[in-house]
Amino acid sequence: MFEQVIAYCERSDFSYWSEPVNAVTNVAFVLAAAMVWPRTKGLPLAQGMAIVLAAIGVGSFLWHTHATGWASLADVVPILLFILLYLFAATRDFLGIAPPWAGAVTLAFFPYAAGFAWLFGGVLPGGNALYASVAVLIAAYGLWLWRGPTGQGLVSGAVILAVSLGFRMADDAVCAKFPIGTHFMWHILNAIMLGWMIVVYCRHRQACA
């Protein structure tokens, strides 16, 4: 848990600020959370999403400064929590499914993601298959609801996530010629995407109020 690792192009040693760009760009998550917070008034799930969004920034900052096993958990746990929270909210409020069944769909994310990783982990290693599975899931919900603004908003979110994932995957490939890598763009685009997803949810709830 305390052993350090070099996981990204920008890191060249185990000093605290070896990934300055990757570390500092995590402020984008906190800024996105602050920007969407006023929209979440009266929507407890949306408020929870905004809080978790800020926590993603904090956890990712710890990961890109400490580069240890515990910091990696601080990075991935809030991300997983956001996925589960949004999936429950989307299933209940976008599809109109009763909360117990929405909870069951949310739990089904684990075998779904595991199966997706089993199928595509060879071409999408290093956690990329997990994030790709999320993009596919968002797109599926969006296409199901395509005729309304919520569906179109979800598809837009899936596209942003797909582009963001491309930058995440390109980090190693460009390292020789671009020493800071491209992982920082994953942070920036993900912050935009997650903030946008909260806005889509809030707009839907307010339109259906």
N, C-alpha and C. Protein backbone atom coordinates (compact mmCIF):
# COMPACT_ATOMS: atom_id res chain seq x y z
N MET A 1 0.82 -1.22 0.00
CA MET A 1 0.00 0.00 0.00
C MET A 1 0.85 1.27 0.00
N PHE A 2 2.09 1.15 0.47
CA PHE A 2 2.95 2.34 0.57
C PHE A 2 4.08 2.33 -0.46
N GLU A 3 4.16 1.26 -1.24
CA GLU A 3 5.18 1.20 -2.28
C GLU A 3 4.80 2.15 -3.42
N GLN A 4 5.76 2.92 -3.90
CA GLN A 4 5.49 3.87 -4.97
C GLN A 4 5.67 3.23 -6.34
N VAL A 5 4.93 3.74 -7.31
CA VAL A 5 5.00 3.23 -8.67
C VAL A 5 5.06 4.41 -9.64
N ILE A 6 5.61 4.15 -10.80
CA ILE A 6 5.59 5.13 -11.89
C ILE A 6 4.58 4.63 -12.91
N ALA A 7 3.45 5.30 -12.99
CA ALA A 7 2.35 4.83 -13.84
C ALA A 7 2.07 5.75 -15.02
N TYR A 8 2.68 6.94 -15.05
CA TYR A 8 2.36 7.91 -16.10
C TYR A 8 3.63 8.52 -16.68
N CYS A 9 3.50 8.97 -17.90
CA CYS A 9 4.63 9.51 -18.64
C CYS A 9 5.32 10.64 -17.89
N GLU A 10 4.56 11.51 -17.29
CA GLU A 10 5.14 12.71 -16.68
C GLU A 10 6.05 12.39 -15.49
N ARG A 11 5.77 11.31 -14.77
CA ARG A 11 6.56 10.98 -13.58
C ARG A 11 7.91 10.38 -13.98
N SER A 12 8.99 10.99 -13.48
CA SER A 12 10.34 10.51 -13.76
C SER A 12 11.05 10.00 -12.50
N ASP A 13 10.50 10.31 -11.33
CA ASP A 13 11.06 9.84 -10.06
C ASP A 13 9.93 9.79 -9.04
N PHE A 14 10.29 9.56 -7.77
CA PHE A 14 9.27 9.42 -6.74
C PHE A 14 9.12 10.66 -5.86
N SER A 15 9.58 11.79 -6.34
CA SER A 15 9.40 13.02 -5.58
C SER A 15 7.94 13.47 -5.65
N TYR A 16 7.53 14.27 -4.68
CA TYR A 16 6.12 14.66 -4.53
C TYR A 16 5.59 15.37 -5.78
N TRP A 17 6.38 16.28 -6.34
CA TRP A 17 5.93 17.08 -7.48
C TRP A 17 6.52 16.57 -8.80
N SER A 18 6.70 15.27 -8.92
CA SER A 18 7.22 14.72 -10.17
C SER A 18 6.18 14.75 -11.29
N GLU A 19 4.90 14.91 -10.93
CA GLU A 19 3.83 15.03 -11.93
C GLU A 19 3.08 16.35 -11.73
N PRO A 20 3.72 17.48 -11.92
CA PRO A 20 3.06 18.76 -11.61
C PRO A 20 1.82 19.03 -12.46
N VAL A 21 1.88 18.73 -13.76
CA VAL A 21 0.73 19.00 -14.62
C VAL A 21 -0.42 18.05 -14.29
N ASN A 22 -0.10 16.77 -14.16
CA ASN A 22 -1.14 15.81 -13.79
C ASN A 22 -1.77 16.13 -12.44
N ALA A 23 -0.94 16.62 -11.51
CA ALA A 23 -1.46 16.94 -10.18
C ALA A 23 -2.33 18.19 -10.20
N VAL A 24 -1.83 19.24 -10.79
CA VAL A 24 -2.53 20.53 -10.73
C VAL A 24 -3.83 20.52 -11.52
N THR A 25 -3.87 19.77 -12.62
CA THR A 25 -5.09 19.78 -13.44
C THR A 25 -6.28 19.13 -12.73
N ASN A 26 -6.04 18.50 -11.59
CA ASN A 26 -7.16 17.95 -10.83
C ASN A 26 -8.05 19.03 -10.23
N VAL A 27 -7.55 20.26 -10.23
CA VAL A 27 -8.41 21.36 -9.76
C VAL A 27 -9.63 21.50 -10.65
N ALA A 28 -9.56 20.98 -11.88
CA ALA A 28 -10.70 21.05 -12.80
C ALA A 28 -11.92 20.33 -12.23
N PHE A 29 -11.70 19.23 -11.51
CA PHE A 29 -12.82 18.51 -10.92
C PHE A 29 -13.50 19.33 -9.83
N VAL A 30 -12.69 19.99 -9.02
CA VAL A 30 -13.23 20.81 -7.94
C VAL A 30 -13.98 22.00 -8.52
N LEU A 31 -13.41 22.62 -9.55
CA LEU A 31 -14.07 23.76 -10.19
C LEU A 31 -15.39 23.33 -10.83
N ALA A 32 -15.39 22.17 -11.48
CA ALA A 32 -16.62 21.68 -12.10
C ALA A 32 -17.69 21.43 -11.04
N ALA A 33 -17.28 20.84 -9.91
CA ALA A 33 -18.23 20.59 -8.83
C ALA A 33 -18.81 21.90 -8.30
N ALA A 34 -17.96 22.91 -8.15
CA ALA A 34 -18.43 24.20 -7.65
C ALA A 34 -19.39 24.87 -8.64
N MET A 35 -19.11 24.70 -9.93
CA MET A 35 -19.95 25.33 -10.95
C MET A 35 -21.33 24.70 -11.03
N VAL A 36 -21.41 23.39 -10.84
CA VAL A 36 -22.72 22.74 -10.97
C VAL A 36 -23.50 22.75 -9.65
N TRP A 37 -22.83 23.02 -8.55
CA TRP A 37 -23.49 22.94 -7.25
C TRP A 37 -24.78 23.75 -7.17
N PRO A 38 -24.83 25.01 -7.66
CA PRO A 38 -26.08 25.78 -7.56
C PRO A 38 -27.26 25.10 -8.26
N ARG A 39 -26.99 24.30 -9.29
CA ARG A 39 -28.06 23.62 -10.01
C ARG A 39 -28.66 22.45 -9.23
N THR A 40 -27.93 21.97 -8.23
CA THR A 40 -28.34 20.75 -7.54
C THR A 40 -29.30 20.99 -6.38
N LYS A 41 -29.67 22.22 -6.13
CA LYS A 41 -30.53 22.55 -5.00
C LYS A 41 -31.83 21.75 -5.06
N GLY A 42 -32.15 21.09 -3.97
CA GLY A 42 -33.38 20.30 -3.90
C GLY A 42 -33.28 18.93 -4.54
N LEU A 43 -32.09 18.56 -5.02
CA LEU A 43 -31.88 17.27 -5.66
C LEU A 43 -30.76 16.53 -4.92
N PRO A 44 -31.11 15.75 -3.90
CA PRO A 44 -30.08 15.11 -3.06
C PRO A 44 -29.08 14.25 -3.83
N LEU A 45 -29.56 13.50 -4.81
CA LEU A 45 -28.64 12.66 -5.57
C LEU A 45 -27.66 13.52 -6.36
N ALA A 46 -28.16 14.61 -6.93
CA ALA A 46 -27.28 15.51 -7.68
C ALA A 46 -26.26 16.17 -6.76
N GLN A 47 -26.70 16.52 -5.56
CA GLN A 47 -25.76 17.10 -4.60
C GLN A 47 -24.69 16.08 -4.23
N GLY A 48 -25.10 14.82 -4.07
CA GLY A 48 -24.13 13.77 -3.79
C GLY A 48 -23.14 13.62 -4.93
N MET A 49 -23.61 13.71 -6.16
CA MET A 49 -22.72 13.63 -7.33
C MET A 49 -21.70 14.75 -7.31
N ALA A 50 -22.15 15.96 -7.00
CA ALA A 50 -21.25 17.11 -6.99
C ALA A 50 -20.17 16.95 -5.91
N ILE A 51 -20.57 16.45 -4.76
CA ILE A 51 -19.60 16.24 -3.67
C ILE A 51 -18.58 15.18 -4.08
N VAL A 52 -19.07 14.10 -4.68
CA VAL A 52 -18.16 13.04 -5.13
C VAL A 52 -17.26 13.55 -6.25
N LEU A 53 -17.78 14.40 -7.11
CA LEU A 53 -16.96 14.98 -8.18
C LEU A 53 -15.77 15.74 -7.59
N ALA A 54 -16.01 16.53 -6.56
CA ALA A 54 -14.91 17.23 -5.90
C ALA A 54 -13.94 16.23 -5.27
N ALA A 55 -14.48 15.15 -4.70
CA ALA A 55 -13.64 14.13 -4.08
C ALA A 55 -12.76 13.42 -5.12
N ILE A 56 -13.26 13.30 -6.34
CA ILE A 56 -12.45 12.71 -7.42
C ILE A 56 -11.19 13.55 -7.63
N GLY A 57 -11.36 14.86 -7.63
CA GLY A 57 -10.20 15.74 -7.80
C GLY A 57 -9.19 15.59 -6.68
N VAL A 58 -9.69 15.49 -5.45
CA VAL A 58 -8.79 15.34 -4.30
C VAL A 58 -8.06 13.99 -4.37
N GLY A 59 -8.82 12.92 -4.65
CA GLY A 59 -8.22 11.60 -4.72
C GLY A 59 -7.20 11.48 -5.83
N SER A 60 -7.52 12.04 -6.99
CA SER A 60 -6.59 11.99 -8.11
C SER A 60 -5.33 12.81 -7.82
N PHE A 61 -5.49 13.95 -7.13
CA PHE A 61 -4.33 14.75 -6.73
C PHE A 61 -3.40 13.92 -5.84
N LEU A 62 -3.97 13.20 -4.89
CA LEU A 62 -3.16 12.36 -4.00
C LEU A 62 -2.42 11.27 -4.79
N TRP A 63 -3.10 10.71 -5.76
CA TRP A 63 -2.49 9.65 -6.58
C TRP A 63 -1.32 10.19 -7.40
N HIS A 64 -1.48 11.37 -7.96
CA HIS A 64 -0.43 11.92 -8.82
C HIS A 64 0.68 12.64 -8.05
N THR A 65 0.56 12.70 -6.75
CA THR A 65 1.64 13.26 -5.93
C THR A 65 2.33 12.17 -5.10
N HIS A 66 1.54 11.28 -4.49
CA HIS A 66 2.12 10.23 -3.65
C HIS A 66 2.48 8.98 -4.44
N ALA A 67 1.67 8.63 -5.45
CA ALA A 67 1.95 7.48 -6.33
C ALA A 67 2.10 6.17 -5.56
N THR A 68 1.24 5.97 -4.56
CA THR A 68 1.27 4.75 -3.75
C THR A 68 -0.03 3.97 -3.92
N GLY A 69 -0.05 2.77 -3.35
CA GLY A 69 -1.26 1.96 -3.43
C GLY A 69 -2.44 2.60 -2.76
N TRP A 70 -2.25 3.18 -1.57
CA TRP A 70 -3.38 3.81 -0.88
C TRP A 70 -3.87 5.02 -1.65
N ALA A 71 -2.94 5.75 -2.29
CA ALA A 71 -3.35 6.91 -3.09
C ALA A 71 -4.12 6.47 -4.33
N SER A 72 -3.76 5.31 -4.86
CA SER A 72 -4.50 4.78 -6.01
C SER A 72 -5.94 4.48 -5.61
N LEU A 73 -6.14 3.94 -4.41
CA LEU A 73 -7.50 3.71 -3.92
C LEU A 73 -8.25 5.02 -3.74
N ALA A 74 -7.56 6.04 -3.23
CA ALA A 74 -8.18 7.36 -3.08
C ALA A 74 -8.61 7.92 -4.42
N ASP A 75 -7.94 7.49 -5.48
CA ASP A 75 -8.25 7.93 -6.83
C ASP A 75 -9.46 7.18 -7.39
N VAL A 76 -9.45 5.86 -7.29
CA VAL A 76 -10.46 5.07 -7.99
C VAL A 76 -11.78 4.93 -7.23
N VAL A 77 -11.74 4.95 -5.90
CA VAL A 77 -12.98 4.75 -5.13
C VAL A 77 -14.01 5.85 -5.41
N PRO A 78 -13.64 7.15 -5.39
CA PRO A 78 -14.64 8.17 -5.72
C PRO A 78 -15.17 8.05 -7.15
N ILE A 79 -14.32 7.63 -8.08
CA ILE A 79 -14.77 7.44 -9.46
C ILE A 79 -15.84 6.36 -9.52
N LEU A 80 -15.56 5.23 -8.86
CA LEU A 80 -16.53 4.14 -8.83
C LEU A 80 -17.83 4.58 -8.15
N LEU A 81 -17.70 5.34 -7.09
CA LEU A 81 -18.88 5.82 -6.37
C LEU A 81 -19.72 6.72 -7.27
N PHE A 82 -19.08 7.59 -8.05
CA PHE A 82 -19.83 8.46 -8.97
C PHE A 82 -20.57 7.62 -10.00
N ILE A 83 -19.88 6.61 -10.56
CA ILE A 83 -20.51 5.75 -11.57
C ILE A 83 -21.77 5.10 -11.00
N LEU A 84 -21.65 4.54 -9.80
CA LEU A 84 -22.78 3.83 -9.20
C LEU A 84 -23.92 4.79 -8.85
N LEU A 85 -23.57 5.95 -8.32
CA LEU A 85 -24.57 6.94 -7.96
C LEU A 85 -25.33 7.42 -9.19
N TYR A 86 -24.58 7.70 -10.26
CA TYR A 86 -25.23 8.20 -11.47
C TYR A 86 -26.06 7.11 -12.12
N LEU A 87 -25.57 5.88 -12.11
CA LEU A 87 -26.31 4.79 -12.73
C LEU A 87 -27.63 4.56 -12.02
N PHE A 88 -27.62 4.63 -10.70
CA PHE A 88 -28.87 4.49 -9.96
C PHE A 88 -29.83 5.63 -10.30
N ALA A 89 -29.31 6.86 -10.29
CA ALA A 89 -30.15 8.02 -10.58
C ALA A 89 -30.71 7.97 -11.98
N ALA A 90 -29.87 7.59 -12.95
CA ALA A 90 -30.32 7.54 -14.34
C ALA A 90 -31.36 6.45 -14.54
N THR A 91 -31.16 5.31 -13.91
CA THR A 91 -32.10 4.21 -14.07
C THR A 91 -33.44 4.55 -13.42
N ARG A 92 -33.39 5.15 -12.25
CA ARG A 92 -34.63 5.50 -11.56
C ARG A 92 -35.35 6.66 -12.23
N ASP A 93 -34.61 7.72 -12.54
CA ASP A 93 -35.26 8.97 -12.97
C ASP A 93 -35.35 9.14 -14.48
N PHE A 94 -34.41 8.60 -15.24
CA PHE A 94 -34.49 8.70 -16.69
C PHE A 94 -35.41 7.61 -17.26
N LEU A 95 -35.28 6.40 -16.71
CA LEU A 95 -36.06 5.27 -17.24
C LEU A 95 -37.33 5.01 -16.47
N GLY A 96 -37.48 5.66 -15.30
CA GLY A 96 -38.69 5.51 -14.50
C GLY A 96 -38.83 4.16 -13.84
N ILE A 97 -37.72 3.54 -13.51
CA ILE A 97 -37.73 2.23 -12.87
C ILE A 97 -37.76 2.40 -11.35
N ALA A 98 -38.52 1.57 -10.68
CA ALA A 98 -38.68 1.67 -9.23
C ALA A 98 -37.32 1.52 -8.53
N PRO A 99 -37.13 2.22 -7.41
CA PRO A 99 -35.83 2.22 -6.72
C PRO A 99 -35.23 0.84 -6.45
N PRO A 100 -36.00 -0.17 -5.97
CA PRO A 100 -35.36 -1.47 -5.74
C PRO A 100 -34.76 -2.08 -7.01
N TRP A 101 -35.48 -1.94 -8.12
CA TRP A 101 -34.97 -2.46 -9.38
C TRP A 101 -33.83 -1.60 -9.92
N ALA A 102 -33.90 -0.30 -9.68
CA ALA A 102 -32.79 0.57 -10.06
C ALA A 102 -31.53 0.20 -9.29
N GLY A 103 -31.72 -0.18 -8.02
CA GLY A 103 -30.59 -0.64 -7.22
C GLY A 103 -30.01 -1.92 -7.78
N ALA A 104 -30.87 -2.83 -8.23
CA ALA A 104 -30.40 -4.08 -8.82
C ALA A 104 -29.61 -3.83 -10.10
N VAL A 105 -30.11 -2.90 -10.92
CA VAL A 105 -29.39 -2.54 -12.15
C VAL A 105 -28.03 -1.95 -11.80
N THR A 106 -27.98 -1.14 -10.76
CA THR A 106 -26.72 -0.53 -10.33
C THR A 106 -25.72 -1.61 -9.91
N LEU A 107 -26.15 -2.58 -9.16
CA LEU A 107 -25.26 -3.67 -8.73
C LEU A 107 -24.81 -4.52 -9.92
N ALA A 108 -25.67 -4.58 -10.94
CA ALA A 108 -25.31 -5.36 -12.14
C ALA A 108 -24.15 -4.73 -12.90
N PHE A 109 -23.79 -3.49 -12.53
CA PHE A 109 -22.65 -2.86 -13.18
C PHE A 109 -21.38 -3.68 -12.97
N PHE A 110 -21.25 -4.31 -11.82
CA PHE A 110 -20.02 -5.05 -11.52
C PHE A 110 -19.80 -6.23 -12.47
N PRO A 111 -20.78 -7.13 -12.65
CA PRO A 111 -20.56 -8.19 -13.64
C PRO A 111 -20.47 -7.66 -15.06
N TYR A 112 -21.22 -6.61 -15.35
CA TYR A 112 -21.15 -6.00 -16.70
C TYR A 112 -19.74 -5.50 -16.98
N ALA A 113 -19.17 -4.73 -16.06
CA ALA A 113 -17.83 -4.18 -16.26
C ALA A 113 -16.79 -5.28 -16.31
N ALA A 114 -16.97 -6.31 -15.47
CA ALA A 114 -16.02 -7.43 -15.47
C ALA A 114 -16.06 -8.17 -16.80
N GLY A 115 -17.26 -8.38 -17.33
CA GLY A 115 -17.39 -9.03 -18.62
C GLY A 115 -16.81 -8.21 -19.74
N PHE A 116 -17.03 -6.91 -19.68
CA PHE A 116 -16.49 -6.01 -20.69
C PHE A 116 -14.96 -6.05 -20.66
N ALA A 117 -14.39 -6.04 -19.45
CA ALA A 117 -12.93 -6.10 -19.31
C ALA A 117 -12.39 -7.43 -19.83
N TRP A 118 -13.14 -8.50 -19.59
CA TRP A 118 -12.72 -9.82 -20.08
C TRP A 118 -12.68 -9.85 -21.60
N LEU A 119 -13.66 -9.21 -22.23
CA LEU A 119 -13.74 -9.20 -23.68
C LEU A 119 -12.72 -8.27 -24.32
N PHE A 120 -12.52 -7.10 -23.72
CA PHE A 120 -11.74 -6.06 -24.37
C PHE A 120 -10.47 -5.66 -23.62
N GLY A 121 -10.18 -6.34 -22.50
CA GLY A 121 -9.00 -5.98 -21.72
C GLY A 121 -7.70 -6.11 -22.48
N GLY A 122 -7.67 -7.00 -23.48
CA GLY A 122 -6.44 -7.17 -24.25
C GLY A 122 -6.10 -5.96 -25.09
N VAL A 123 -7.10 -5.25 -25.58
CA VAL A 123 -6.85 -4.07 -26.41
C VAL A 123 -7.03 -2.77 -25.62
N LEU A 124 -7.63 -2.89 -24.44
CA LEU A 124 -7.86 -1.72 -23.59
C LEU A 124 -7.33 -2.02 -22.18
N PRO A 125 -6.01 -2.15 -22.03
CA PRO A 125 -5.44 -2.53 -20.73
C PRO A 125 -5.40 -1.36 -19.75
N GLY A 126 -4.97 -1.66 -18.53
CA GLY A 126 -4.72 -0.61 -17.55
C GLY A 126 -5.94 0.16 -17.09
N GLY A 127 -7.06 -0.51 -16.98
CA GLY A 127 -8.27 0.16 -16.52
C GLY A 127 -9.06 0.84 -17.62
N ASN A 128 -8.50 0.89 -18.83
CA ASN A 128 -9.20 1.56 -19.92
C ASN A 128 -10.50 0.85 -20.30
N ALA A 129 -10.51 -0.48 -20.14
CA ALA A 129 -11.73 -1.23 -20.47
C ALA A 129 -12.88 -0.82 -19.55
N LEU A 130 -12.56 -0.57 -18.28
CA LEU A 130 -13.60 -0.14 -17.34
C LEU A 130 -14.23 1.17 -17.80
N TYR A 131 -13.39 2.14 -18.14
CA TYR A 131 -13.91 3.43 -18.56
C TYR A 131 -14.64 3.34 -19.91
N ALA A 132 -14.15 2.46 -20.79
CA ALA A 132 -14.85 2.26 -22.05
C ALA A 132 -16.23 1.66 -21.81
N SER A 133 -16.33 0.76 -20.83
CA SER A 133 -17.63 0.16 -20.52
C SER A 133 -18.61 1.23 -20.05
N VAL A 134 -18.11 2.22 -19.32
CA VAL A 134 -18.96 3.31 -18.86
C VAL A 134 -19.44 4.16 -20.04
N ALA A 135 -18.53 4.45 -20.98
CA ALA A 135 -18.91 5.23 -22.15
C ALA A 135 -20.00 4.51 -22.95
N VAL A 136 -19.85 3.19 -23.10
CA VAL A 136 -20.86 2.41 -23.83
C VAL A 136 -22.19 2.44 -23.10
N LEU A 137 -22.16 2.35 -21.78
CA LEU A 137 -23.38 2.36 -20.99
C LEU A 137 -24.09 3.71 -21.09
N ILE A 138 -23.32 4.79 -21.01
CA ILE A 138 -23.92 6.13 -21.15
C ILE A 138 -24.55 6.28 -22.52
N ALA A 139 -23.83 5.83 -23.56
CA ALA A 139 -24.35 5.93 -24.92
C ALA A 139 -25.62 5.12 -25.08
N ALA A 140 -25.67 3.94 -24.45
CA ALA A 140 -26.86 3.09 -24.55
C ALA A 140 -28.08 3.78 -23.93
N TYR A 141 -27.91 4.38 -22.77
CA TYR A 141 -29.00 5.12 -22.14
C TYR A 141 -29.39 6.30 -23.02
N GLY A 142 -28.39 6.98 -23.58
CA GLY A 142 -28.65 8.13 -24.42
C GLY A 142 -29.43 7.77 -25.68
N LEU A 143 -29.05 6.67 -26.31
CA LEU A 143 -29.75 6.24 -27.53
C LEU A 143 -31.17 5.79 -27.21
N TRP A 144 -31.37 5.17 -26.06
CA TRP A 144 -32.72 4.77 -25.64
C TRP A 144 -33.63 5.98 -25.47
N LEU A 145 -33.02 7.08 -25.01
CA LEU A 145 -33.78 8.31 -24.73
C LEU A 145 -33.53 9.38 -25.79
N TRP A 146 -33.10 8.97 -26.97
CA TRP A 146 -32.56 9.90 -27.95
C TRP A 146 -33.52 11.01 -28.36
N ARG A 147 -34.80 10.74 -28.36
CA ARG A 147 -35.75 11.73 -28.87
C ARG A 147 -35.89 12.96 -27.97
N GLY A 148 -35.39 12.88 -26.78
CA GLY A 148 -35.48 14.02 -25.86
C GLY A 148 -34.12 14.61 -25.56
N PRO A 149 -34.08 15.77 -24.95
CA PRO A 149 -32.81 16.44 -24.64
C PRO A 149 -31.94 15.64 -23.68
N THR A 150 -32.56 14.84 -22.81
CA THR A 150 -31.77 14.04 -21.88
C THR A 150 -30.93 13.02 -22.64
N GLY A 151 -31.54 12.34 -23.57
CA GLY A 151 -30.82 11.35 -24.36
C GLY A 151 -29.69 11.97 -25.16
N GLN A 152 -29.96 13.10 -25.76
CA GLN A 152 -28.93 13.76 -26.55
C GLN A 152 -27.80 14.26 -25.66
N GLY A 153 -28.15 14.71 -24.46
CA GLY A 153 -27.13 15.13 -23.51
C GLY A 153 -26.25 13.98 -23.07
N LEU A 154 -26.86 12.81 -22.86
CA LEU A 154 -26.09 11.63 -22.47
C LEU A 154 -25.14 11.19 -23.58
N VAL A 155 -25.60 11.20 -24.82
CA VAL A 155 -24.73 10.83 -25.93
C VAL A 155 -23.56 11.80 -26.03
N SER A 156 -23.82 13.08 -25.81
CA SER A 156 -22.73 14.06 -25.81
C SER A 156 -21.71 13.73 -24.72
N GLY A 157 -22.21 13.33 -23.54
CA GLY A 157 -21.32 12.94 -22.46
C GLY A 157 -20.49 11.73 -22.83
N ALA A 158 -21.09 10.75 -23.50
CA ALA A 158 -20.37 9.55 -23.92
C ALA A 158 -19.26 9.90 -24.92
N VAL A 159 -19.56 10.83 -25.82
CA VAL A 159 -18.55 11.25 -26.81
C VAL A 159 -17.37 11.93 -26.12
N ILE A 160 -17.65 12.82 -25.17
CA ILE A 160 -16.57 13.49 -24.44
C ILE A 160 -15.72 12.46 -23.69
N LEU A 161 -16.38 11.48 -23.07
CA LEU A 161 -15.64 10.46 -22.34
C LEU A 161 -14.77 9.64 -23.30
N ALA A 162 -15.28 9.33 -24.48
CA ALA A 162 -14.51 8.56 -25.45
C ALA A 162 -13.26 9.33 -25.89
N VAL A 163 -13.41 10.63 -26.13
CA VAL A 163 -12.26 11.46 -26.51
C VAL A 163 -11.26 11.52 -25.34
N SER A 164 -11.80 11.70 -24.15
CA SER A 164 -10.97 11.75 -22.95
C SER A 164 -10.19 10.46 -22.79
N LEU A 165 -10.84 9.32 -23.03
CA LEU A 165 -10.19 8.02 -22.93
C LEU A 165 -9.06 7.89 -23.95
N GLY A 166 -9.26 8.48 -25.11
CA GLY A 166 -8.20 8.48 -26.11
C GLY A 166 -6.94 9.16 -25.60
N PHE A 167 -7.09 10.29 -24.92
CA PHE A 167 -5.93 10.97 -24.34
C PHE A 167 -5.30 10.11 -23.24
N ARG A 168 -6.11 9.43 -22.45
CA ARG A 168 -5.57 8.56 -21.39
C ARG A 168 -4.72 7.45 -22.00
N MET A 169 -5.20 6.87 -23.09
CA MET A 169 -4.49 5.76 -23.73
C MET A 169 -3.25 6.21 -24.49
N ALA A 170 -3.23 7.47 -24.90
CA ALA A 170 -2.10 7.98 -25.69
C ALA A 170 -0.90 8.38 -24.83
N ASP A 171 -1.05 8.39 -23.52
CA ASP A 171 -0.01 8.89 -22.61
C ASP A 171 1.34 8.24 -22.87
N ASP A 172 1.38 6.91 -22.90
CA ASP A 172 2.65 6.22 -23.13
C ASP A 172 3.16 6.42 -24.55
N ALA A 173 2.24 6.43 -25.51
CA ALA A 173 2.64 6.48 -26.92
C ALA A 173 3.37 7.76 -27.28
N VAL A 174 3.00 8.87 -26.64
CA VAL A 174 3.60 10.16 -27.00
C VAL A 174 4.76 10.53 -26.08
N CYS A 175 5.04 9.69 -25.10
CA CYS A 175 5.98 10.05 -24.03
C CYS A 175 7.36 10.45 -24.55
N ALA A 176 7.85 9.73 -25.54
CA ALA A 176 9.21 9.98 -26.03
C ALA A 176 9.35 11.38 -26.61
N LYS A 177 8.30 11.89 -27.23
CA LYS A 177 8.37 13.19 -27.87
C LYS A 177 7.66 14.29 -27.08
N PHE A 178 6.84 13.90 -26.11
CA PHE A 178 6.08 14.89 -25.33
C PHE A 178 6.14 14.46 -23.87
N PRO A 179 7.20 14.84 -23.17
CA PRO A 179 7.51 14.28 -21.85
C PRO A 179 6.42 14.43 -20.78
N ILE A 180 5.56 15.43 -20.90
CA ILE A 180 4.51 15.54 -19.87
C ILE A 180 3.34 14.60 -20.16
N GLY A 181 3.34 13.99 -21.35
CA GLY A 181 2.29 13.06 -21.69
C GLY A 181 0.95 13.74 -21.96
N THR A 182 -0.09 12.93 -22.02
CA THR A 182 -1.44 13.45 -22.33
C THR A 182 -2.46 13.14 -21.23
N HIS A 183 -2.01 12.56 -20.14
CA HIS A 183 -2.95 12.17 -19.09
C HIS A 183 -3.68 13.38 -18.50
N PHE A 184 -3.03 14.53 -18.51
CA PHE A 184 -3.66 15.73 -17.94
C PHE A 184 -4.94 16.09 -18.69
N MET A 185 -4.99 15.75 -19.99
CA MET A 185 -6.20 16.02 -20.76
C MET A 185 -7.36 15.11 -20.33
N TRP A 186 -7.01 13.93 -19.85
CA TRP A 186 -8.01 13.04 -19.26
C TRP A 186 -8.69 13.72 -18.09
N HIS A 187 -7.90 14.41 -17.27
CA HIS A 187 -8.46 15.13 -16.13
C HIS A 187 -9.39 16.25 -16.58
N ILE A 188 -8.91 17.07 -17.49
CA ILE A 188 -9.67 18.24 -17.92
C ILE A 188 -10.99 17.84 -18.60
N LEU A 189 -10.89 16.91 -19.54
CA LEU A 189 -12.09 16.49 -20.26
C LEU A 189 -13.05 15.71 -19.36
N ASN A 190 -12.50 14.92 -18.45
CA ASN A 190 -13.36 14.19 -17.54
C ASN A 190 -14.11 15.13 -16.60
N ALA A 191 -13.43 16.16 -16.14
CA ALA A 191 -14.09 17.14 -15.29
C ALA A 191 -15.25 17.80 -16.03
N ILE A 192 -15.02 18.14 -17.29
CA ILE A 192 -16.08 18.73 -18.12
C ILE A 192 -17.22 17.73 -18.30
N MET A 193 -16.87 16.48 -18.61
CA MET A 193 -17.88 15.46 -18.85
C MET A 193 -18.71 15.17 -17.62
N LEU A 194 -18.06 15.00 -16.46
CA LEU A 194 -18.81 14.68 -15.25
C LEU A 194 -19.69 15.84 -14.81
N GLY A 195 -19.17 17.06 -14.93
CA GLY A 195 -20.00 18.22 -14.64
C GLY A 195 -21.19 18.28 -15.57
N TRP A 196 -20.96 18.00 -16.85
CA TRP A 196 -22.03 18.00 -17.83
C TRP A 196 -23.08 16.93 -17.51
N MET A 197 -22.63 15.77 -17.08
CA MET A 197 -23.56 14.70 -16.74
C MET A 197 -24.47 15.11 -15.59
N ILE A 198 -23.93 15.83 -14.63
CA ILE A 198 -24.76 16.32 -13.53
C ILE A 198 -25.77 17.34 -14.04
N VAL A 199 -25.34 18.21 -14.94
CA VAL A 199 -26.26 19.19 -15.52
C VAL A 199 -27.39 18.49 -16.27
N VAL A 200 -27.06 17.45 -17.03
CA VAL A 200 -28.09 16.69 -17.75
C VAL A 200 -29.11 16.12 -16.78
N TYR A 201 -28.62 15.57 -15.68
CA TYR A 201 -29.53 15.00 -14.68
C TYR A 201 -30.41 16.10 -14.06
N CYS A 202 -29.80 17.21 -13.69
CA CYS A 202 -30.57 18.29 -13.06
C CYS A 202 -31.62 18.86 -14.02
N ARG A 203 -31.26 19.03 -15.28
CA ARG A 203 -32.21 19.54 -16.25
C ARG A 203 -33.38 18.58 -16.41
N HIS A 204 -33.09 17.31 -16.42
CA HIS A 204 -34.16 16.31 -16.55
C HIS A 204 -35.11 16.36 -15.37
N ARG A 205 -34.54 16.39 -14.16
CA ARG A 205 -35.37 16.41 -12.96
C ARG A 205 -36.21 17.69 -12.89
N GLN A 206 -35.61 18.81 -13.27
CA GLN A 206 -36.34 20.07 -13.20
C GLN A 206 -37.43 20.12 -14.26
N ALA A 207 -37.15 19.53 -15.42
CA ALA A 207 -38.15 19.51 -16.49
C ALA A 207 -39.30 18.59 -16.14
N CYS A 208 -39.01 17.56 -15.31
CA CYS A 208 -40.03 16.60 -14.93
C CYS A 208 -40.69 16.93 -13.60
N ALA A 209 -40.28 18.04 -12.98
CA ALA A 209 -40.81 18.38 -11.65
C ALA A 209 -42.29 18.76 -11.75
